[in-house]
Amino acid sequence: MTAENEGRTGRDGYDHGRGGVDALMAAITGEPLTDEARANAAFMAEHRSAAADVALLREQLGIIGHALTEPMPASPAPEPAPEPAPVRQPSRSRRRVFTLALGSLAVAAAASVLVGMGWLLTQAGGGDGMTAGADSGSSEKDMASPAAGTAFGSPRYLACSRLVAEGRATAVEQLAGTGSIRVTLHMTRYYKPDKGEQELAFVVDENLVPGLRVGDQVLIGIPQDADRPDFWAVGERNIAPERAWITGSLAESRGLTC
């Protein structure tokens, strides 16, 4: 080996001026080192450093390659916005049913009003009907009384009556061989006069007070010249409207003459 070559490559056969490159190439290629290279401490230090750098580079390249080859995860599709609930217009048949329902309610309400008016008219005319029934079992003198034909509970009836009162039936006796019954009343309230006997008894046609039983509440009216009632109302349901009319007519009746 010439002096020139020896100066360039060194005595160990390696180019120390380019030793870093040789050590790096040896680390990259994995070429086995000679005994002389292993004996060179400077070279081995460079080789170890280069081998570490190469190992780190390979690791980083592996990570990058894996990331590049791995398929990208599909981004989740956005959830669709909930559609607004459809507003259903009522069908023609449903509108027709609704209209019919309203019409039925109106008819029912009107019918209730008519029934109520009929009941009131019946109660107002009931005095005359009861009077007629009582007159059928009374004398001609009773028929000729000033109260005859006057609506029960009116100011004129009260002015021409001798007794209007309420009581409770304590005895109802069938008279043998007749169509009459004897009714005993425990008097609970007097309208005219203001007070009277606690117990009264009358014989009346059983058809005048059909179904009368002991314990029933009774309202009676007796004209001035009669000895028995010409009007009977049995039960609170029938007495209540008559009671209201009587109490409303009492003041006016006191100013009337019979």
Protein backbone atom coordinates (compact mmCIF):
# COMPACT_ATOMS: atom_id res chain seq x y z
CA MET A 1 0.00 0.00 0.00
CA THR A 2 1.38 3.37 -0.96
CA ALA A 3 1.90 6.18 1.43
CA GLU A 4 -0.91 8.08 -0.25
CA ASN A 5 -3.37 5.29 0.19
CA GLU A 6 -2.23 4.63 3.70
CA GLY A 7 -2.82 8.22 4.62
CA ARG A 8 -6.36 8.11 3.13
CA THR A 9 -7.57 4.84 4.44
CA GLY A 10 -5.50 4.38 7.59
CA ARG A 11 -3.63 1.40 8.78
CA ASP A 12 -6.82 -0.58 9.64
CA GLY A 13 -8.13 -0.51 6.09
CA TYR A 14 -11.07 1.89 6.86
CA ASP A 15 -11.44 5.42 5.66
CA HIS A 16 -11.35 7.41 8.88
CA GLY A 17 -12.02 10.63 6.99
CA ARG A 18 -15.31 9.00 6.00
CA GLY A 19 -15.52 6.70 8.96
CA GLY A 20 -18.90 8.03 9.94
CA VAL A 21 -20.25 7.07 6.56
CA ASP A 22 -18.70 3.60 6.66
CA ALA A 23 -20.02 2.93 10.13
CA LEU A 24 -23.50 4.16 9.08
CA MET A 25 -23.46 2.01 5.93
CA ALA A 26 -22.41 -0.99 7.97
CA ALA A 27 -25.30 -0.35 10.36
CA ILE A 28 -27.79 0.09 7.50
CA THR A 29 -26.72 -2.93 5.48
CA GLY A 30 -26.01 -5.11 8.49
CA GLU A 31 -22.65 -6.09 6.99
CA PRO A 32 -20.57 -8.14 9.46
CA LEU A 33 -17.66 -6.24 10.98
CA THR A 34 -14.14 -7.45 10.69
CA ASP A 35 -11.98 -8.16 13.67
CA GLU A 36 -9.93 -5.12 12.90
CA ALA A 37 -13.08 -2.91 12.89
CA ARG A 38 -14.24 -4.40 16.17
CA ALA A 39 -10.82 -3.59 17.65
CA ASN A 40 -11.18 0.05 16.64
CA ALA A 41 -12.92 1.77 19.57
CA ALA A 42 -13.73 4.94 17.64
CA PHE A 43 -15.28 3.00 14.80
CA MET A 44 -17.38 0.85 17.12
CA ALA A 45 -18.69 3.92 18.89
CA GLU A 46 -19.79 5.39 15.59
CA HIS A 47 -21.30 2.06 14.53
CA ARG A 48 -23.32 1.67 17.73
CA SER A 49 -24.66 5.22 17.38
CA ALA A 50 -25.53 4.63 13.74
CA ALA A 51 -27.20 1.27 14.57
CA ALA A 52 -29.35 2.97 17.21
CA ASP A 53 -30.36 5.69 14.77
CA VAL A 54 -31.19 3.12 12.11
CA ALA A 55 -33.30 1.09 14.55
CA LEU A 56 -35.23 4.19 15.60
CA LEU A 57 -35.71 5.20 11.98
CA ARG A 58 -37.01 1.76 11.08
CA GLU A 59 -39.47 1.89 13.99
CA GLN A 60 -40.77 5.29 12.89
CA LEU A 61 -41.04 4.17 9.28
CA GLY A 62 -43.00 1.12 10.40
CA ILE A 63 -45.45 3.28 12.29
CA ILE A 64 -45.86 5.61 9.32
CA GLY A 65 -46.31 2.72 6.90
CA HIS A 66 -48.89 1.07 9.12
CA ALA A 67 -50.79 4.33 9.41
CA LEU A 68 -50.74 4.83 5.65
CA THR A 69 -51.91 1.32 4.82
CA GLU A 70 -54.65 1.10 7.48
CA PRO A 71 -58.07 2.02 6.06
CA MET A 72 -59.51 5.24 7.37
CA PRO A 73 -62.44 4.64 9.72
CA ALA A 74 -65.68 5.72 8.20
CA SER A 75 -67.07 8.77 9.90
CA PRO A 76 -70.43 8.04 11.56
CA ALA A 77 -73.35 9.21 9.52
CA PRO A 78 -75.18 12.09 11.16
CA GLU A 79 -78.41 11.06 12.77
CA PRO A 80 -81.33 12.23 10.72
CA ALA A 81 -83.38 14.95 12.36
CA PRO A 82 -86.69 13.61 13.61
CA GLU A 83 -89.45 14.38 11.21
CA PRO A 84 -92.28 16.43 12.67
CA ALA A 85 -95.37 14.41 13.43
CA PRO A 86 -97.81 14.82 10.59
CA VAL A 87 -100.85 16.84 11.46
CA ARG A 88 -103.89 14.93 10.39
CA GLN A 89 -106.85 16.97 9.44
CA PRO A 90 -110.09 15.46 10.74
CA SER A 91 -111.74 13.48 8.05
CA ARG A 92 -115.04 14.54 6.64
CA SER A 93 -116.75 11.60 8.34
CA ARG A 94 -115.27 12.55 11.75
CA ARG A 95 -116.37 16.14 11.29
CA ARG A 96 -119.80 14.85 10.39
CA VAL A 97 -119.90 12.65 13.52
CA PHE A 98 -118.77 15.59 15.67
CA THR A 99 -121.48 17.78 14.17
CA LEU A 100 -124.08 15.09 14.78
CA ALA A 101 -122.90 14.72 18.38
CA LEU A 102 -123.28 18.45 18.98
CA GLY A 103 -126.70 18.32 17.39
CA SER A 104 -127.69 15.41 19.61
CA LEU A 105 -126.56 17.29 22.71
CA ALA A 106 -128.57 20.31 21.63
CA VAL A 107 -131.64 18.17 21.04
CA ALA A 108 -131.19 16.46 24.42
CA ALA A 109 -130.85 19.83 26.16
CA ALA A 110 -133.96 21.14 24.43
CA ALA A 111 -135.86 17.98 25.35
CA SER A 112 -134.82 18.38 28.99
CA VAL A 113 -136.11 21.94 29.00
CA LEU A 114 -139.41 20.84 27.48
CA VAL A 115 -139.76 18.00 29.98
CA GLY A 116 -139.06 20.40 32.85
CA MET A 117 -141.64 22.87 31.57
CA GLY A 118 -144.14 20.07 31.18
CA TRP A 119 -143.52 18.96 34.76
CA LEU A 120 -144.06 22.50 36.05
CA LEU A 121 -147.25 22.85 34.04
CA THR A 122 -148.44 19.52 35.37
CA GLN A 123 -147.72 20.61 38.93
CA ALA A 124 -149.45 23.94 38.40
CA GLY A 125 -152.46 22.22 36.95
CA GLY A 126 -152.28 19.43 39.49
CA GLY A 127 -154.22 21.51 41.98
CA ASP A 128 -157.20 21.58 39.69
CA GLY A 129 -156.89 17.87 38.98
CA MET A 130 -156.62 17.04 42.66
CA THR A 131 -159.49 19.36 43.40
CA ALA A 132 -161.63 17.58 40.85
CA GLY A 133 -160.73 14.24 42.37
CA ALA A 134 -161.60 15.46 45.83
CA ASP A 135 -164.83 16.99 44.63
CA SER A 136 -165.91 13.62 43.27
CA GLY A 137 -166.06 12.41 46.84
CA SER A 138 -167.42 15.57 48.39
CA SER A 139 -170.83 17.15 48.59
CA GLU A 140 -172.42 19.66 46.23
CA LYS A 141 -171.78 22.31 48.86
CA ASP A 142 -168.05 21.72 48.43
CA MET A 143 -168.38 22.15 44.68
CA ALA A 144 -170.03 25.51 45.21
CA SER A 145 -167.32 26.81 47.56
CA PRO A 146 -165.47 30.00 46.54
CA ALA A 147 -162.17 28.09 46.43
CA ALA A 148 -163.48 25.58 43.89
CA GLY A 149 -161.75 25.93 40.52
CA THR A 150 -158.99 28.15 41.98
CA ALA A 151 -155.41 26.89 41.68
CA PHE A 152 -154.12 25.50 44.94
CA GLY A 153 -151.50 27.69 46.57
CA SER A 154 -152.62 30.86 44.83
CA PRO A 155 -153.46 33.97 46.90
CA ARG A 156 -157.16 33.51 46.06
CA TYR A 157 -157.17 29.87 47.19
CA LEU A 158 -155.47 30.76 50.47
CA ALA A 159 -157.91 33.61 51.06
CA CYS A 160 -160.88 31.28 50.59
CA SER A 161 -159.54 28.28 52.56
CA ARG A 162 -159.90 27.49 56.23
CA LEU A 163 -156.92 25.15 56.51
CA VAL A 164 -153.70 24.60 54.61
CA ALA A 165 -151.15 22.43 56.43
CA GLU A 166 -148.65 19.60 56.28
CA GLY A 167 -148.67 16.39 58.27
CA ARG A 168 -147.43 12.81 58.33
CA ALA A 169 -149.74 9.84 57.92
CA THR A 170 -149.87 7.81 61.14
CA ALA A 171 -152.75 5.52 60.13
CA VAL A 172 -154.36 4.48 56.84
CA GLU A 173 -157.43 2.27 57.34
CA GLN A 174 -159.58 0.70 54.64
CA LEU A 175 -163.29 1.08 55.47
CA ALA A 176 -165.02 -2.26 54.89
CA GLY A 177 -167.63 -2.34 52.16
CA THR A 178 -166.64 1.06 50.77
CA GLY A 179 -164.11 2.57 48.41
CA SER A 180 -162.95 4.95 51.12
CA ILE A 181 -160.11 5.05 53.61
CA ARG A 182 -159.64 6.79 56.91
CA VAL A 183 -156.41 8.77 57.05
CA THR A 184 -154.98 10.00 60.34
CA LEU A 185 -152.37 12.75 60.15
CA HIS A 186 -149.92 14.08 62.71
CA MET A 187 -149.71 17.75 61.72
CA THR A 188 -146.19 19.16 61.40
CA ARG A 189 -146.71 22.60 59.84
CA TYR A 190 -149.64 25.01 59.49
CA TYR A 191 -149.82 27.71 56.84
CA LYS A 192 -153.41 28.78 57.44
CA PRO A 193 -154.20 29.22 60.23
CA ASP A 194 -150.80 29.69 61.86
CA LYS A 195 -151.41 26.79 64.24
CA GLY A 196 -153.96 24.07 64.90
CA GLU A 197 -154.57 20.59 66.24
CA GLN A 198 -151.71 18.09 66.35
CA GLU A 199 -153.82 15.28 64.89
CA LEU A 200 -156.48 15.33 62.17
CA ALA A 201 -158.41 12.47 60.55
CA PHE A 202 -160.35 12.39 57.29
CA VAL A 203 -162.37 9.86 55.33
CA VAL A 204 -161.54 10.16 51.64
CA ASP A 205 -161.97 8.24 48.42
CA GLU A 206 -159.07 5.80 48.13
CA ASN A 207 -158.63 6.85 44.50
CA LEU A 208 -157.83 10.38 45.66
CA VAL A 209 -154.65 9.26 47.43
CA PRO A 210 -153.73 5.93 45.80
CA GLY A 211 -150.87 4.12 47.46
CA LEU A 212 -150.84 6.33 50.56
CA ARG A 213 -148.90 4.61 53.34
CA VAL A 214 -148.12 5.22 56.96
CA GLY A 215 -145.16 7.58 57.25
CA ASP A 216 -145.87 9.50 54.03
CA GLN A 217 -145.64 13.29 54.21
CA VAL A 218 -148.90 14.95 53.14
CA LEU A 219 -149.98 18.50 52.24
CA ILE A 220 -153.71 19.25 52.36
CA GLY A 221 -156.01 22.17 51.69
CA ILE A 222 -159.60 22.58 52.97
CA PRO A 223 -161.95 25.30 51.63
CA GLN A 224 -163.77 27.53 54.13
CA ASP A 225 -167.11 25.72 53.98
CA ALA A 226 -165.82 22.14 53.52
CA ASP A 227 -165.19 19.40 56.05
CA ARG A 228 -162.55 17.49 54.12
CA PRO A 229 -159.56 18.36 51.96
CA ASP A 230 -160.10 19.16 48.31
CA PHE A 231 -156.36 18.95 47.66
CA TRP A 232 -153.79 16.34 48.56
CA ALA A 233 -150.07 16.23 47.76
CA VAL A 234 -148.12 13.17 48.88
CA GLY A 235 -144.34 12.96 49.13
CA GLU A 236 -141.69 15.66 49.35
CA ARG A 237 -141.20 15.72 45.59
CA ASN A 238 -144.81 16.77 45.06
CA ILE A 239 -145.03 18.95 48.15
CA ALA A 240 -141.91 21.07 47.56
CA PRO A 241 -143.20 23.14 44.58
CA GLU A 242 -146.59 23.65 46.27
CA ARG A 243 -144.90 24.74 49.49
CA ALA A 244 -142.89 27.35 47.60
CA TRP A 245 -146.05 28.72 45.98
CA ILE A 246 -147.92 28.84 49.29
CA THR A 247 -145.19 30.73 51.13
CA GLY A 248 -144.97 33.19 48.25
CA SER A 249 -148.74 33.79 48.22
CA LEU A 250 -149.50 34.09 51.93
CA ALA A 251 -148.76 37.81 52.23
CA GLU A 252 -150.96 38.71 49.27
CA SER A 253 -153.78 36.42 50.40
CA ARG A 254 -154.15 38.33 53.65
CA GLY A 255 -155.27 41.41 51.74
CA LEU A 256 -157.96 39.54 49.80
CA THR A 257 -161.57 38.90 50.74
CA CYS A 258 -163.34 35.74 49.81
